[in-house]
Amino acid sequence: MPSEMRFADVRAILERAGYQLVRVRGSHHVFEKAGQQICIIPVHRGKVKPAYVRQILKLAAEEPTDE
């Protein structure tokens, strides 16, 4: 089970997977990728909680499908 992760590392993972940070509202950072669902990550004290780390790792592992 993953533990807390630094936001800088989370952002790097998402950007390598093709997501872009499109806006920040308070502690919520919103990432988008064309043709995919948005990913909203709350960041507190520069850290991301384990539940969100699991979500991010799952998104990063998914291969794009050709439809």
PDB file of N, CA and C in Angstrom:
ATOM      1  N   MET A   1       0.846  -1.175   0.000  1.00  0.00           N
ATOM      2  CA  MET A   1       0.000   0.000   0.000  1.00  0.00           C
ATOM      3  C   MET A   1       0.892   1.238   0.000  1.00  0.00           C
ATOM      4  N   PRO A   2       0.667   2.157  -0.952  1.00  0.00           N
ATOM      5  CA  PRO A   2       1.505   3.351  -1.007  1.00  0.00           C
ATOM      6  C   PRO A   2       1.270   4.267   0.193  1.00  0.00           C
ATOM      7  N   SER A   3       2.278   5.023   0.498  1.00  0.00           N
ATOM      8  CA  SER A   3       2.160   5.982   1.598  1.00  0.00           C
ATOM      9  C   SER A   3       2.018   7.388   1.009  1.00  0.00           C
ATOM     10  N   GLU A   4       2.006   8.390   1.889  1.00  0.00           N
ATOM     11  CA  GLU A   4       1.939   9.772   1.414  1.00  0.00           C
ATOM     12  C   GLU A   4       3.075  10.024   0.430  1.00  0.00           C
ATOM     13  N   MET A   5       2.814  10.916  -0.518  1.00  0.00           N
ATOM     14  CA  MET A   5       3.819  11.225  -1.522  1.00  0.00           C
ATOM     15  C   MET A   5       3.888  12.738  -1.686  1.00  0.00           C
ATOM     16  N   ARG A   6       5.063  13.234  -1.991  1.00  0.00           N
ATOM     17  CA  ARG A   6       5.213  14.664  -2.260  1.00  0.00           C
ATOM     18  C   ARG A   6       4.450  15.039  -3.516  1.00  0.00           C
ATOM     19  N   PHE A   7       3.852  16.235  -3.506  1.00  0.00           N
ATOM     20  CA  PHE A   7       3.079  16.675  -4.657  1.00  0.00           C
ATOM     21  C   PHE A   7       3.956  16.787  -5.899  1.00  0.00           C
ATOM     22  N   ALA A   8       5.188  17.212  -5.753  1.00  0.00           N
ATOM     23  CA  ALA A   8       6.081  17.340  -6.908  1.00  0.00           C
ATOM     24  C   ALA A   8       6.253  15.997  -7.616  1.00  0.00           C
ATOM     25  N   ASP A   9       6.329  14.915  -6.850  1.00  0.00           N
ATOM     26  CA  ASP A   9       6.462  13.584  -7.441  1.00  0.00           C
ATOM     27  C   ASP A   9       5.164  13.153  -8.122  1.00  0.00           C
ATOM     28  N   VAL A  10       4.036  13.451  -7.488  1.00  0.00           N
ATOM     29  CA  VAL A  10       2.726  13.128  -8.056  1.00  0.00           C
ATOM     30  C   VAL A  10       2.533  13.867  -9.375  1.00  0.00           C
ATOM     31  N   ARG A  11       2.873  15.133  -9.377  1.00  0.00           N
ATOM     32  CA  ARG A  11       2.727  15.937 -10.595  1.00  0.00           C
ATOM     33  C   ARG A  11       3.585  15.374 -11.720  1.00  0.00           C
ATOM     34  N   ALA A  12       4.800  14.961 -11.403  1.00  0.00           N
ATOM     35  CA  ALA A  12       5.693  14.390 -12.413  1.00  0.00           C
ATOM     36  C   ALA A  12       5.107  13.103 -12.998  1.00  0.00           C
ATOM     37  N   ILE A  13       4.525  12.261 -12.156  1.00  0.00           N
ATOM     38  CA  ILE A  13       3.906  11.010 -12.621  1.00  0.00           C
ATOM     39  C   ILE A  13       2.753  11.315 -13.573  1.00  0.00           C
ATOM     40  N   LEU A  14       1.889  12.243 -13.178  1.00  0.00           N
ATOM     41  CA  LEU A  14       0.735  12.589 -14.012  1.00  0.00           C
ATOM     42  C   LEU A  14       1.169  13.229 -15.330  1.00  0.00           C
ATOM     43  N   GLU A  15       2.160  14.087 -15.293  1.00  0.00           N
ATOM     44  CA  GLU A  15       2.615  14.736 -16.521  1.00  0.00           C
ATOM     45  C   GLU A  15       3.257  13.731 -17.476  1.00  0.00           C
ATOM     46  N   ARG A  16       3.985  12.750 -16.948  1.00  0.00           N
ATOM     47  CA  ARG A  16       4.541  11.698 -17.806  1.00  0.00           C
ATOM     48  C   ARG A  16       3.431  10.866 -18.435  1.00  0.00           C
ATOM     49  N   ALA A  17       2.288  10.751 -17.749  1.00  0.00           N
ATOM     50  CA  ALA A  17       1.141   9.999 -18.271  1.00  0.00           C
ATOM     51  C   ALA A  17       0.297  10.843 -19.229  1.00  0.00           C
ATOM     52  N   GLY A  18       0.695  12.093 -19.459  1.00  0.00           N
ATOM     53  CA  GLY A  18      -0.001  12.935 -20.425  1.00  0.00           C
ATOM     54  C   GLY A  18      -1.003  13.905 -19.836  1.00  0.00           C
ATOM     55  N   TYR A  19      -1.095  13.986 -18.518  1.00  0.00           N
ATOM     56  CA  TYR A  19      -2.017  14.920 -17.873  1.00  0.00           C
ATOM     57  C   TYR A  19      -1.354  16.285 -17.730  1.00  0.00           C
ATOM     58  N   GLN A  20      -2.170  17.337 -17.737  1.00  0.00           N
ATOM     59  CA  GLN A  20      -1.683  18.705 -17.540  1.00  0.00           C
ATOM     60  C   GLN A  20      -2.426  19.328 -16.374  1.00  0.00           C
ATOM     61  N   LEU A  21      -1.705  20.094 -15.575  1.00  0.00           N
ATOM     62  CA  LEU A  21      -2.335  20.865 -14.504  1.00  0.00           C
ATOM     63  C   LEU A  21      -3.038  22.047 -15.162  1.00  0.00           C
ATOM     64  N   VAL A  22      -4.378  22.098 -15.015  1.00  0.00           N
ATOM     65  CA  VAL A  22      -5.136  23.149 -15.693  1.00  0.00           C
ATOM     66  C   VAL A  22      -5.608  24.238 -14.750  1.00  0.00           C
ATOM     67  N   ARG A  23      -5.790  23.910 -13.479  1.00  0.00           N
ATOM     68  CA  ARG A  23      -6.192  24.954 -12.532  1.00  0.00           C
ATOM     69  C   ARG A  23      -5.979  24.476 -11.099  1.00  0.00           C
ATOM     70  N   VAL A  24      -5.886  25.467 -10.208  1.00  0.00           N
ATOM     71  CA  VAL A  24      -5.761  25.212  -8.774  1.00  0.00           C
ATOM     72  C   VAL A  24      -6.787  26.084  -8.088  1.00  0.00           C
ATOM     73  N   ARG A  25      -7.572  25.480  -7.232  1.00  0.00           N
ATOM     74  CA  ARG A  25      -8.556  26.243  -6.467  1.00  0.00           C
ATOM     75  C   ARG A  25      -8.421  25.809  -5.017  1.00  0.00           C
ATOM     76  N   GLY A  26      -7.825  26.661  -4.221  1.00  0.00           N
ATOM     77  CA  GLY A  26      -7.545  26.290  -2.832  1.00  0.00           C
ATOM     78  C   GLY A  26      -6.493  25.204  -2.811  1.00  0.00           C
ATOM     79  N   SER A  27      -6.818  24.080  -2.176  1.00  0.00           N
ATOM     80  CA  SER A  27      -5.866  22.974  -2.101  1.00  0.00           C
ATOM     81  C   SER A  27      -6.070  21.955  -3.210  1.00  0.00           C
ATOM     82  N   HIS A  28      -7.076  22.151  -4.061  1.00  0.00           N
ATOM     83  CA  HIS A  28      -7.395  21.175  -5.094  1.00  0.00           C
ATOM     84  C   HIS A  28      -6.705  21.521  -6.418  1.00  0.00           C
ATOM     85  N   HIS A  29      -5.893  20.580  -6.876  1.00  0.00           N
ATOM     86  CA  HIS A  29      -5.179  20.724  -8.132  1.00  0.00           C
ATOM     87  C   HIS A  29      -5.898  19.847  -9.155  1.00  0.00           C
ATOM     88  N   VAL A  30      -6.277  20.441 -10.289  1.00  0.00           N
ATOM     89  CA  VAL A  30      -7.066  19.740 -11.293  1.00  0.00           C
ATOM     90  C   VAL A  30      -6.188  19.450 -12.511  1.00  0.00           C
ATOM     91  N   PHE A  31      -6.101  18.163 -12.854  1.00  0.00           N
ATOM     92  CA  PHE A  31      -5.333  17.716 -14.011  1.00  0.00           C
ATOM     93  C   PHE A  31      -6.303  17.188 -15.058  1.00  0.00           C
ATOM     94  N   GLU A  32      -6.000  17.453 -16.339  1.00  0.00           N
ATOM     95  CA  GLU A  32      -6.825  16.970 -17.436  1.00  0.00           C
ATOM     96  C   GLU A  32      -5.949  16.331 -18.497  1.00  0.00           C
ATOM     97  N   LYS A  33      -6.566  15.384 -19.206  1.00  0.00           N
ATOM     98  CA  LYS A  33      -5.935  14.735 -20.348  1.00  0.00           C
ATOM     99  C   LYS A  33      -7.023  14.552 -21.385  1.00  0.00           C
ATOM    100  N   ALA A  34      -6.733  14.874 -22.625  1.00  0.00           N
ATOM    101  CA  ALA A  34      -7.734  14.770 -23.694  1.00  0.00           C
ATOM    102  C   ALA A  34      -8.298  13.356 -23.752  1.00  0.00           C
ATOM    103  N   GLY A  35      -9.617  13.269 -23.743  1.00  0.00           N
ATOM    104  CA  GLY A  35     -10.281  11.979 -23.859  1.00  0.00           C
ATOM    105  C   GLY A  35     -10.331  11.170 -22.576  1.00  0.00           C
ATOM    106  N   GLN A  36      -9.862  11.713 -21.476  1.00  0.00           N
ATOM    107  CA  GLN A  36      -9.854  11.008 -20.197  1.00  0.00           C
ATOM    108  C   GLN A  36     -10.616  11.825 -19.167  1.00  0.00           C
ATOM    109  N   GLN A  37     -10.951  11.177 -18.064  1.00  0.00           N
ATOM    110  CA  GLN A  37     -11.618  11.896 -16.978  1.00  0.00           C
ATOM    111  C   GLN A  37     -10.629  12.842 -16.298  1.00  0.00           C
ATOM    112  N   ILE A  38     -11.162  13.897 -15.673  1.00  0.00           N
ATOM    113  CA  ILE A  38     -10.279  14.806 -14.952  1.00  0.00           C
ATOM    114  C   ILE A  38      -9.823  14.130 -13.662  1.00  0.00           C
ATOM    115  N   CYS A  39      -8.737  14.601 -13.137  1.00  0.00           N
ATOM    116  CA  CYS A  39      -8.163  14.058 -11.911  1.00  0.00           C
ATOM    117  C   CYS A  39      -7.980  15.225 -10.947  1.00  0.00           C
ATOM    118  N   ILE A  40      -8.678  15.178  -9.827  1.00  0.00           N
ATOM    119  CA  ILE A  40      -8.601  16.250  -8.831  1.00  0.00           C
ATOM    120  C   ILE A  40      -7.829  15.732  -7.626  1.00  0.00           C
ATOM    121  N   ILE A  41      -6.745  16.415  -7.292  1.00  0.00           N
ATOM    122  CA  ILE A  41      -5.867  15.991  -6.209  1.00  0.00           C
ATOM    123  C   ILE A  41      -5.799  17.077  -5.144  1.00  0.00           C
ATOM    124  N   PRO A  42      -6.276  16.798  -3.923  1.00  0.00           N
ATOM    125  CA  PRO A  42      -6.091  17.753  -2.833  1.00  0.00           C
ATOM    126  C   PRO A  42      -4.670  17.645  -2.276  1.00  0.00           C
ATOM    127  N   VAL A  43      -4.053  18.784  -2.058  1.00  0.00           N
ATOM    128  CA  VAL A  43      -2.672  18.817  -1.568  1.00  0.00           C
ATOM    129  C   VAL A  43      -2.644  19.607  -0.265  1.00  0.00           C
ATOM    130  N   HIS A  44      -2.100  18.995   0.779  1.00  0.00           N
ATOM    131  CA  HIS A  44      -1.998  19.652   2.071  1.00  0.00           C
ATOM    132  C   HIS A  44      -0.562  19.527   2.576  1.00  0.00           C
ATOM    133  N   ARG A  45       0.034  20.677   2.875  1.00  0.00           N
ATOM    134  CA  ARG A  45       1.424  20.743   3.333  1.00  0.00           C
ATOM    135  C   ARG A  45       2.384  20.065   2.358  1.00  0.00           C
ATOM    136  N   GLY A  46       2.083  20.178   1.075  1.00  0.00           N
ATOM    137  CA  GLY A  46       2.964  19.634   0.047  1.00  0.00           C
ATOM    138  C   GLY A  46       2.882  18.130  -0.122  1.00  0.00           C
ATOM    139  N   LYS A  47       1.914  17.483   0.516  1.00  0.00           N
ATOM    140  CA  LYS A  47       1.788  16.026   0.462  1.00  0.00           C
ATOM    141  C   LYS A  47       0.431  15.620  -0.103  1.00  0.00           C
ATOM    142  N   VAL A  48       0.406  14.425  -0.683  1.00  0.00           N
ATOM    143  CA  VAL A  48      -0.820  13.833  -1.211  1.00  0.00           C
ATOM    144  C   VAL A  48      -1.079  12.553  -0.427  1.00  0.00           C
ATOM    145  N   LYS A  49      -2.317  12.366   0.026  1.00  0.00           N
ATOM    146  CA  LYS A  49      -2.671  11.211   0.859  1.00  0.00           C
ATOM    147  C   LYS A  49      -2.637   9.909   0.061  1.00  0.00           C
ATOM    148  N   PRO A  50      -2.439   8.787   0.774  1.00  0.00           N
ATOM    149  CA  PRO A  50      -2.301   7.482   0.112  1.00  0.00           C
ATOM    150  C   PRO A  50      -3.464   7.098  -0.809  1.00  0.00           C
ATOM    151  N   ALA A  51      -4.690   7.428  -0.465  1.00  0.00           N
ATOM    152  CA  ALA A  51      -5.830   7.082  -1.320  1.00  0.00           C
ATOM    153  C   ALA A  51      -5.691   7.726  -2.696  1.00  0.00           C
ATOM    154  N   TYR A  52      -5.211   8.958  -2.733  1.00  0.00           N
ATOM    155  CA  TYR A  52      -5.029   9.648  -4.005  1.00  0.00           C
ATOM    156  C   TYR A  52      -3.801   9.133  -4.742  1.00  0.00           C
ATOM    157  N   VAL A  53      -2.785   8.728  -4.004  1.00  0.00           N
ATOM    158  CA  VAL A  53      -1.591   8.151  -4.635  1.00  0.00           C
ATOM    159  C   VAL A  53      -1.993   6.882  -5.388  1.00  0.00           C
ATOM    160  N   ARG A  54      -2.843   6.042  -4.790  1.00  0.00           N
ATOM    161  CA  ARG A  54      -3.311   4.827  -5.464  1.00  0.00           C
ATOM    162  C   ARG A  54      -4.058   5.181  -6.747  1.00  0.00           C
ATOM    163  N   GLN A  55      -4.921   6.204  -6.679  1.00  0.00           N
ATOM    164  CA  GLN A  55      -5.677   6.639  -7.851  1.00  0.00           C
ATOM    165  C   GLN A  55      -4.722   7.104  -8.958  1.00  0.00           C
ATOM    166  N   ILE A  56      -3.719   7.841  -8.594  1.00  0.00           N
ATOM    167  CA  ILE A  56      -2.756   8.378  -9.563  1.00  0.00           C
ATOM    168  C   ILE A  56      -1.956   7.263 -10.208  1.00  0.00           C
ATOM    169  N   LEU A  57      -1.501   6.319  -9.404  1.00  0.00           N
ATOM    170  CA  LEU A  57      -0.730   5.205  -9.947  1.00  0.00           C
ATOM    171  C   LEU A  57      -1.581   4.373 -10.896  1.00  0.00           C
ATOM    172  N   LYS A  58      -2.854   4.220 -10.586  1.00  0.00           N
ATOM    173  CA  LYS A  58      -3.760   3.489 -11.467  1.00  0.00           C
ATOM    174  C   LYS A  58      -3.937   4.234 -12.788  1.00  0.00           C
ATOM    175  N   LEU A  59      -4.145   5.542 -12.723  1.00  0.00           N
ATOM    176  CA  LEU A  59      -4.290   6.344 -13.945  1.00  0.00           C
ATOM    177  C   LEU A  59      -3.029   6.282 -14.800  1.00  0.00           C
ATOM    178  N   ALA A  60      -1.882   6.347 -14.171  1.00  0.00           N
ATOM    179  CA  ALA A  60      -0.604   6.347 -14.890  1.00  0.00           C
ATOM    180  C   ALA A  60      -0.338   4.992 -15.546  1.00  0.00           C
ATOM    181  N   ALA A  61      -0.849   3.915 -14.944  1.00  0.00           N
ATOM    182  CA  ALA A  61      -0.607   2.569 -15.470  1.00  0.00           C
ATOM    183  C   ALA A  61      -1.538   2.224 -16.624  1.00  0.00           C
ATOM    184  N   GLU A  62      -2.653   2.933 -16.746  1.00  0.00           N
ATOM    185  CA  GLU A  62      -3.611   2.630 -17.808  1.00  0.00           C
ATOM    186  C   GLU A  62      -3.043   2.985 -19.160  1.00  0.00           C
ATOM    187  N   GLU A  63      -3.216   2.070 -20.098  1.00  0.00           N
ATOM    188  CA  GLU A  63      -2.773   2.321 -21.466  1.00  0.00           C
ATOM    189  C   GLU A  63      -3.914   2.985 -22.226  1.00  0.00           C
ATOM    190  N   PRO A  64      -3.610   3.938 -23.080  1.00  0.00           N
ATOM    191  CA  PRO A  64      -4.687   4.544 -23.878  1.00  0.00           C
ATOM    192  C   PRO A  64      -5.261   3.510 -24.831  1.00  0.00           C
ATOM    193  N   THR A  65      -6.562   3.531 -25.008  1.00  0.00           N
ATOM    194  CA  THR A  65      -7.198   2.583 -25.918  1.00  0.00           C
ATOM    195  C   THR A  65      -7.531   3.268 -27.222  1.00  0.00           C
ATOM    196  N   ASP A  66      -7.393   2.540 -28.309  1.00  0.00           N
ATOM    197  CA  ASP A  66      -7.751   3.062 -29.623  1.00  0.00           C
ATOM    198  C   ASP A  66      -9.174   2.644 -29.927  1.00  0.00           C
ATOM    199  N   GLU A  67     -10.045   3.605 -30.030  1.00  0.00           N
ATOM    200  CA  GLU A  67     -11.465   3.287 -30.299  1.00  0.00           C
ATOM    201  C   GLU A  67     -11.838   3.712 -31.690  1.00  0.00           C
TER     202      GLU A  67
END
